[in-house]
Amino acid sequence: MNKSQSISKIIVRPQTAEEEFRYLMRVLGKMDFYNKNGYAIPIPDHPFFINISNNLDLLKSLNIEKAKNIFKTEIYDLTFFENGLKTVNQDINLVRDAMEEIKKWTIWGFKLFSKYEIRLTSYGPGGSYNWEKGNIIMKTKLNGIFGLPPVHTIVHEIIHIGIEESVVKKFELSHVEKEGLVDAICVNYFKDMLTNYKIQDRRDKKVFNLISQSNINKLPQIVSEYKMKQQLHKT
């Protein structure tokens, strides 16, 4: 089996108008979470949606068809994503190189999809993921600039997807523990590939120090032992 056959397929595309609208609704629905966790979330520069963001209770009585029509006819623009697509595709081979390493982790339960869709959006946090489908959504700007190098975000989110069931849910990691663990893998395992990787402020430093290149194959065991120690300290 050659290299192109042995790794997951990666598709990069803009979200459709329908996908983008549904995603925007999910973003607005989670705005309280984003605000509490310090995320700066862009929304459409349109009076209709600005009014909703300023009064989230309006979501409870929102006329979805009206909102969708305004979004599709007055806001969505497919050409917005052209520069972002170029930026992502410039370094997409680095993601494929990372996948060569990541596929080795299936031996301890890492969930690997045969295909990942990288969908570009105008909204939401820098990156988000669907761990059940292997989809990744990344925010871009009109000029094709991302908050972080796209390859860093893509690898970060693929790792999130892969450990969601076997580690995060199994050991009930908090949000900051989860982010600390993923950052640790990106920095400590991919230090030569993801150069100048930016570590998040919203992370658990104790979890961050658990993982190295040499012990990645024991990740579930390491996290299990860490959580047991945490419980002992509480008693």
Foldseek 3Di string as FASTA:
>chain_A
DDLVQPFAAEAEAADDLVRQLVVLLVQLVCVVVCVVLVFDKDDFPDVVVVVCSVPVVVSVVDPSVVSSVCCVPPPDDRLLCPLLVVQCVVCVVLLSVVRVVVVVLVVQQFDGDNYEYEYEYQIDGQKDADLVPRYIYGHAGSNNDGPARPSLRSQLHSRCSRCVPVACVVLVDDPQASLLQSVLCCCAQVVVSRPPRDRDPSHDVVSSPQDHNVCSSCVRVSNVVVSVVVVVVVD
